[in-house]
């Protein structure tokens, strides 16, 4: 029987907050907090859909340039994407992120 997948599943299975899985989980969490589909999230940030999909599936680490596009588009921070530190994110978005963890 399949159970509902949650972004925390990948973080809990990772001992390293910098791992591909942990970064992917935070990207998924951010997208869910903003209530966007994967394609909408990628398109709005002007990232190719297949490239963004690889980030969420832990196939490829998000590059600094692509992470900066997400930060500029969605008011995220590099500290959040790469290290899980939400202290530099606006309060309302940080609250939404916390609710989706």
Protein backbone atom coordinates (compact mmCIF):
# COMPACT_ATOMS: atom_id res chain seq x y z
CA UNK A 1 0.00 0.00 0.00
CA UNK A 2 1.31 3.42 -0.92
CA UNK A 3 1.35 6.15 1.67
CA UNK A 4 1.35 9.87 1.00
CA UNK A 5 4.84 11.21 0.41
CA UNK A 6 6.01 14.15 2.48
CA UNK A 7 9.04 16.42 1.94
CA UNK A 8 10.35 15.55 5.40
CA UNK A 9 10.73 11.91 4.35
CA UNK A 10 13.81 12.74 2.31
CA UNK A 11 15.32 14.98 4.99
CA UNK A 12 14.81 12.38 7.72
CA UNK A 13 16.51 9.76 5.56
CA UNK A 14 19.53 11.98 5.12
CA UNK A 15 22.20 12.56 7.73
CA UNK A 16 23.54 15.55 5.83
CA UNK A 17 21.57 18.77 5.40
CA UNK A 18 23.64 19.47 2.29
CA UNK A 19 22.83 16.17 0.59
CA UNK A 20 20.99 16.05 -2.72
CA UNK A 21 18.01 14.53 -0.92
CA UNK A 22 17.85 17.26 1.73
CA UNK A 23 18.13 20.03 -0.87
CA UNK A 24 15.45 18.35 -3.01
CA UNK A 25 13.16 18.11 0.00
CA UNK A 26 13.53 21.84 0.67
CA UNK A 27 12.80 22.67 -2.97
CA UNK A 28 9.67 20.52 -2.83
CA UNK A 29 8.67 22.14 0.47
CA UNK A 30 9.12 25.65 -0.96
CA UNK A 31 7.06 24.80 -4.03
CA UNK A 32 4.32 23.25 -1.88
CA UNK A 33 4.30 26.28 0.43
CA UNK A 34 3.72 28.49 -2.60
CA UNK A 35 1.00 26.12 -3.83
CA UNK A 36 2.53 25.71 -7.28
CA UNK A 37 2.92 22.77 -9.61
CA UNK A 38 6.44 21.74 -10.51
CA UNK A 39 6.07 23.04 -14.07
CA UNK A 40 4.60 26.37 -12.90
CA UNK A 41 7.39 26.79 -10.34
CA UNK A 42 10.10 26.09 -12.93
CA UNK A 43 8.51 28.18 -15.68
CA UNK A 44 8.05 31.24 -13.45
CA UNK A 45 11.71 31.09 -12.42
CA UNK A 46 12.74 30.55 -16.05
CA UNK A 47 14.32 27.17 -15.36
CA UNK A 48 13.80 24.35 -17.84
CA UNK A 49 11.18 21.94 -16.51
CA UNK A 50 13.30 18.83 -17.03
CA UNK A 51 16.25 20.49 -15.28
CA UNK A 52 14.14 21.50 -12.29
CA UNK A 53 12.62 18.02 -12.14
CA UNK A 54 16.14 16.59 -11.74
CA UNK A 55 16.69 18.83 -8.72
CA UNK A 56 13.52 17.63 -6.99
CA UNK A 57 14.29 13.98 -7.79
CA UNK A 58 17.83 14.27 -6.35
CA UNK A 59 19.39 13.41 -9.70
CA UNK A 60 21.38 16.64 -9.95
CA UNK A 61 22.42 19.28 -7.40
CA UNK A 62 20.94 22.70 -8.13
CA UNK A 63 23.61 25.08 -9.40
CA UNK A 64 24.27 28.41 -7.74
CA UNK A 65 22.88 30.25 -10.78
CA UNK A 66 19.63 28.28 -10.73
CA UNK A 67 19.31 28.62 -6.95
CA UNK A 68 19.72 32.38 -7.31
CA UNK A 69 16.91 32.42 -9.87
CA UNK A 70 14.65 30.74 -7.29
CA UNK A 71 15.75 33.21 -4.62
CA UNK A 72 15.07 36.18 -6.87
CA UNK A 73 11.72 34.84 -8.05
CA UNK A 74 10.31 33.50 -4.77
CA UNK A 75 12.16 35.43 -2.04
CA UNK A 76 13.95 32.29 -0.90
CA UNK A 77 17.52 32.38 0.37
CA UNK A 78 20.59 30.40 -0.59
CA UNK A 79 20.98 29.51 3.09
CA UNK A 80 17.55 27.89 3.01
CA UNK A 81 18.11 26.00 -0.25
CA UNK A 82 21.58 24.66 0.57
CA UNK A 83 21.56 24.49 4.39
CA UNK A 84 17.93 24.58 5.54
CA UNK A 85 18.33 27.89 7.38
CA UNK A 86 15.11 29.86 6.93
CA UNK A 87 16.18 32.80 9.10
CA UNK A 88 16.76 35.04 6.07
CA UNK A 89 13.32 34.41 4.56
CA UNK A 90 10.40 36.77 5.00
CA UNK A 91 8.19 35.81 7.93
CA UNK A 92 5.06 34.85 5.97
CA UNK A 93 6.96 32.56 3.63
CA UNK A 94 8.95 31.09 6.52
CA UNK A 95 5.66 30.25 8.27
CA UNK A 96 4.36 28.53 5.12
CA UNK A 97 7.60 26.57 4.79
CA UNK A 98 7.35 25.46 8.41
CA UNK A 99 3.79 24.27 7.85
CA UNK A 100 4.88 22.12 4.89
CA UNK A 101 7.85 20.43 6.59
